[in-house]
């Protein structure tokens, strides 16, 4: 069963409470999403580390329940 965009957003916000999260369903099938996540927790982290933090928030669902997630991450503009 596909993941709902609201569930993805809630899981990311639980791990990164300050995050601004935008989720888009790319194919309309509930399996292919794009996410933009902006959080101060990413400051000083490489893109790979930022993405790992988001994937960690999804608790192992990537590649299983959640088939594909195009991810863009960043830190808030000051």
N, C-alpha and C. Protein backbone atom coordinates (compact mmCIF):
# COMPACT_ATOMS: atom_id res chain seq x y z
N UNK A 1 0.85 -1.19 0.00
CA UNK A 1 0.00 0.00 0.00
C UNK A 1 0.89 1.24 0.00
N UNK A 2 0.64 2.19 -0.91
CA UNK A 2 1.47 3.39 -1.01
C UNK A 2 1.36 4.26 0.24
N UNK A 3 2.36 5.09 0.45
CA UNK A 3 2.34 6.06 1.55
C UNK A 3 1.62 7.32 1.11
N UNK A 4 0.91 7.92 2.02
CA UNK A 4 0.23 9.18 1.78
C UNK A 4 1.22 10.32 2.01
N UNK A 5 1.12 11.38 1.22
CA UNK A 5 2.01 12.54 1.35
C UNK A 5 1.96 13.12 2.76
N UNK A 6 0.79 13.14 3.37
CA UNK A 6 0.67 13.68 4.74
C UNK A 6 1.47 12.84 5.73
N UNK A 7 1.51 11.52 5.52
CA UNK A 7 2.27 10.64 6.40
C UNK A 7 3.77 10.90 6.26
N UNK A 8 4.23 11.08 5.02
CA UNK A 8 5.64 11.39 4.77
C UNK A 8 6.00 12.70 5.47
N UNK A 9 5.18 13.72 5.29
CA UNK A 9 5.43 15.02 5.90
C UNK A 9 5.45 14.91 7.42
N UNK A 10 4.52 14.18 8.00
CA UNK A 10 4.45 14.03 9.46
C UNK A 10 5.69 13.34 10.01
N UNK A 11 6.18 12.33 9.32
CA UNK A 11 7.37 11.61 9.78
C UNK A 11 8.60 12.52 9.73
N UNK A 12 8.72 13.31 8.68
CA UNK A 12 9.85 14.23 8.56
C UNK A 12 9.76 15.29 9.65
N UNK A 13 8.57 15.84 9.88
CA UNK A 13 8.40 16.88 10.91
C UNK A 13 8.64 16.33 12.31
N UNK A 14 8.33 15.07 12.52
CA UNK A 14 8.58 14.47 13.84
C UNK A 14 10.09 14.42 14.11
N UNK A 15 10.88 14.09 13.11
CA UNK A 15 12.33 14.00 13.27
C UNK A 15 13.00 15.37 13.22
N UNK A 16 12.43 16.27 12.44
CA UNK A 16 12.99 17.61 12.24
C UNK A 16 11.89 18.64 12.50
N UNK A 17 11.57 18.89 13.77
CA UNK A 17 10.41 19.73 14.12
C UNK A 17 10.40 21.13 13.52
N UNK A 18 11.58 21.70 13.25
CA UNK A 18 11.63 23.06 12.71
C UNK A 18 11.51 23.09 11.19
N UNK A 19 11.44 21.93 10.57
CA UNK A 19 11.52 21.84 9.11
C UNK A 19 10.32 22.44 8.40
N UNK A 20 10.62 23.06 7.26
CA UNK A 20 9.60 23.42 6.29
C UNK A 20 9.60 22.27 5.29
N UNK A 21 8.45 21.66 5.09
CA UNK A 21 8.37 20.46 4.24
C UNK A 21 7.33 20.67 3.16
N UNK A 22 7.72 20.40 1.92
CA UNK A 22 6.79 20.44 0.79
C UNK A 22 6.88 19.10 0.08
N UNK A 23 5.75 18.42 -0.06
CA UNK A 23 5.70 17.11 -0.71
C UNK A 23 4.83 17.24 -1.96
N UNK A 24 5.33 16.69 -3.08
CA UNK A 24 4.56 16.66 -4.33
C UNK A 24 4.49 15.23 -4.84
N UNK A 25 3.31 14.80 -5.23
CA UNK A 25 3.12 13.47 -5.84
C UNK A 25 3.43 13.62 -7.32
N UNK A 26 4.53 13.04 -7.76
CA UNK A 26 5.01 13.25 -9.13
C UNK A 26 4.20 12.52 -10.18
N UNK A 27 3.66 11.34 -9.85
CA UNK A 27 2.99 10.52 -10.86
C UNK A 27 1.51 10.31 -10.56
N UNK A 28 1.04 10.82 -9.42
CA UNK A 28 -0.36 10.63 -9.06
C UNK A 28 -0.67 9.22 -8.59
N UNK A 29 0.38 8.44 -8.29
CA UNK A 29 0.17 7.05 -7.92
C UNK A 29 0.48 6.76 -6.45
N UNK A 30 0.90 7.77 -5.69
CA UNK A 30 1.22 7.56 -4.29
C UNK A 30 2.52 6.82 -4.07
N UNK A 31 3.29 6.61 -5.12
CA UNK A 31 4.56 5.89 -5.01
C UNK A 31 5.77 6.74 -5.39
N UNK A 32 5.56 7.82 -6.10
CA UNK A 32 6.66 8.64 -6.60
C UNK A 32 6.46 10.09 -6.15
N UNK A 33 7.27 10.50 -5.20
CA UNK A 33 7.14 11.83 -4.60
C UNK A 33 8.41 12.64 -4.79
N UNK A 34 8.25 13.95 -4.71
CA UNK A 34 9.36 14.88 -4.58
C UNK A 34 9.16 15.62 -3.27
N UNK A 35 10.23 15.82 -2.54
CA UNK A 35 10.13 16.53 -1.26
C UNK A 35 11.21 17.60 -1.20
N UNK A 36 10.81 18.76 -0.70
CA UNK A 36 11.76 19.82 -0.38
C UNK A 36 11.70 20.00 1.12
N UNK A 37 12.85 19.87 1.77
CA UNK A 37 12.93 19.96 3.22
C UNK A 37 13.99 20.99 3.59
N UNK A 38 13.59 21.99 4.36
CA UNK A 38 14.50 23.03 4.81
C UNK A 38 14.50 23.00 6.33
N UNK A 39 15.70 22.85 6.91
CA UNK A 39 15.81 22.76 8.37
C UNK A 39 17.13 23.31 8.85
N UNK A 40 17.12 23.99 9.98
CA UNK A 40 18.36 24.48 10.59
C UNK A 40 19.24 23.30 11.03
N UNK A 41 18.66 22.15 11.24
CA UNK A 41 19.43 20.96 11.64
C UNK A 41 20.42 20.53 10.55
N UNK A 42 20.22 20.99 9.33
CA UNK A 42 21.10 20.64 8.23
C UNK A 42 22.37 21.50 8.18
N UNK A 43 22.40 22.57 8.97
CA UNK A 43 23.54 23.50 8.92
C UNK A 43 24.84 22.74 9.21
N UNK A 44 25.83 22.96 8.32
CA UNK A 44 27.13 22.33 8.49
C UNK A 44 27.20 20.89 8.00
N UNK A 45 26.09 20.36 7.51
CA UNK A 45 26.04 18.99 7.01
C UNK A 45 26.16 18.99 5.48
N UNK A 46 26.77 17.94 4.95
CA UNK A 46 26.83 17.78 3.49
C UNK A 46 25.44 17.40 2.97
N UNK A 47 25.24 17.51 1.67
CA UNK A 47 23.96 17.11 1.07
C UNK A 47 23.66 15.65 1.39
N UNK A 48 24.68 14.81 1.31
CA UNK A 48 24.49 13.38 1.60
C UNK A 48 24.01 13.20 3.04
N UNK A 49 24.63 13.90 3.97
CA UNK A 49 24.23 13.81 5.37
C UNK A 49 22.80 14.33 5.58
N UNK A 50 22.45 15.42 4.88
CA UNK A 50 21.10 15.96 4.97
C UNK A 50 20.08 14.93 4.48
N UNK A 51 20.37 14.32 3.35
CA UNK A 51 19.46 13.32 2.79
C UNK A 51 19.37 12.11 3.71
N UNK A 52 20.47 11.71 4.31
CA UNK A 52 20.45 10.59 5.24
C UNK A 52 19.56 10.90 6.44
N UNK A 53 19.56 12.15 6.89
CA UNK A 53 18.70 12.54 8.01
C UNK A 53 17.23 12.40 7.63
N UNK A 54 16.88 12.79 6.41
CA UNK A 54 15.49 12.67 5.96
C UNK A 54 15.13 11.20 5.80
N UNK A 55 16.00 10.42 5.17
CA UNK A 55 15.72 8.99 5.00
C UNK A 55 15.59 8.31 6.36
N UNK A 56 16.39 8.72 7.32
CA UNK A 56 16.28 8.18 8.68
C UNK A 56 14.92 8.48 9.29
N UNK A 57 14.41 9.67 9.01
CA UNK A 57 13.09 10.06 9.52
C UNK A 57 11.99 9.15 8.96
N UNK A 58 12.23 8.59 7.79
CA UNK A 58 11.22 7.73 7.14
C UNK A 58 11.30 6.28 7.63
N UNK A 59 12.18 6.01 8.58
CA UNK A 59 12.23 4.75 9.32
C UNK A 59 12.21 3.51 8.44
N UNK A 60 13.05 3.49 7.43
CA UNK A 60 13.20 2.29 6.61
C UNK A 60 12.14 2.09 5.54
N UNK A 61 11.27 3.06 5.35
CA UNK A 61 10.20 2.89 4.35
C UNK A 61 10.67 3.16 2.92
N UNK A 62 11.81 3.85 2.76
CA UNK A 62 12.34 4.11 1.42
C UNK A 62 12.68 2.80 0.73
N UNK A 63 12.26 2.67 -0.51
CA UNK A 63 12.55 1.47 -1.29
C UNK A 63 11.56 0.35 -1.03
N UNK A 64 10.71 0.53 -0.04
CA UNK A 64 9.69 -0.48 0.27
C UNK A 64 8.32 0.12 0.04
N UNK A 65 7.70 0.57 1.12
CA UNK A 65 6.38 1.21 1.04
C UNK A 65 6.46 2.48 0.20
N UNK A 66 7.56 3.21 0.34
CA UNK A 66 7.78 4.42 -0.43
C UNK A 66 8.78 4.10 -1.53
N UNK A 67 8.29 4.02 -2.75
CA UNK A 67 9.11 3.56 -3.87
C UNK A 67 10.18 4.56 -4.29
N UNK A 68 9.80 5.83 -4.45
CA UNK A 68 10.76 6.82 -4.94
C UNK A 68 10.49 8.18 -4.31
N UNK A 69 11.58 8.84 -3.91
CA UNK A 69 11.49 10.18 -3.34
C UNK A 69 12.63 11.02 -3.89
N UNK A 70 12.29 11.99 -4.73
CA UNK A 70 13.28 12.96 -5.21
C UNK A 70 13.41 14.01 -4.12
N UNK A 71 14.60 14.18 -3.60
CA UNK A 71 14.79 14.97 -2.39
C UNK A 71 15.65 16.20 -2.65
N UNK A 72 15.18 17.35 -2.17
CA UNK A 72 15.93 18.59 -2.18
C UNK A 72 15.97 19.06 -0.74
N UNK A 73 17.17 19.36 -0.22
CA UNK A 73 17.30 19.80 1.15
C UNK A 73 18.09 21.09 1.21
N UNK A 74 17.94 21.81 2.31
CA UNK A 74 18.70 23.04 2.50
C UNK A 74 18.49 23.61 3.87
N UNK A 75 19.23 24.67 4.16
CA UNK A 75 19.10 25.38 5.44
C UNK A 75 18.30 26.65 5.20
N UNK A 76 17.61 27.14 6.23
CA UNK A 76 16.83 28.38 6.06
C UNK A 76 17.74 29.56 5.72
N UNK A 77 17.21 30.46 4.91
CA UNK A 77 17.93 31.70 4.60
C UNK A 77 17.83 32.62 5.79
N UNK A 78 18.91 33.27 6.11
CA UNK A 78 18.90 34.18 7.27
C UNK A 78 18.52 35.57 6.88
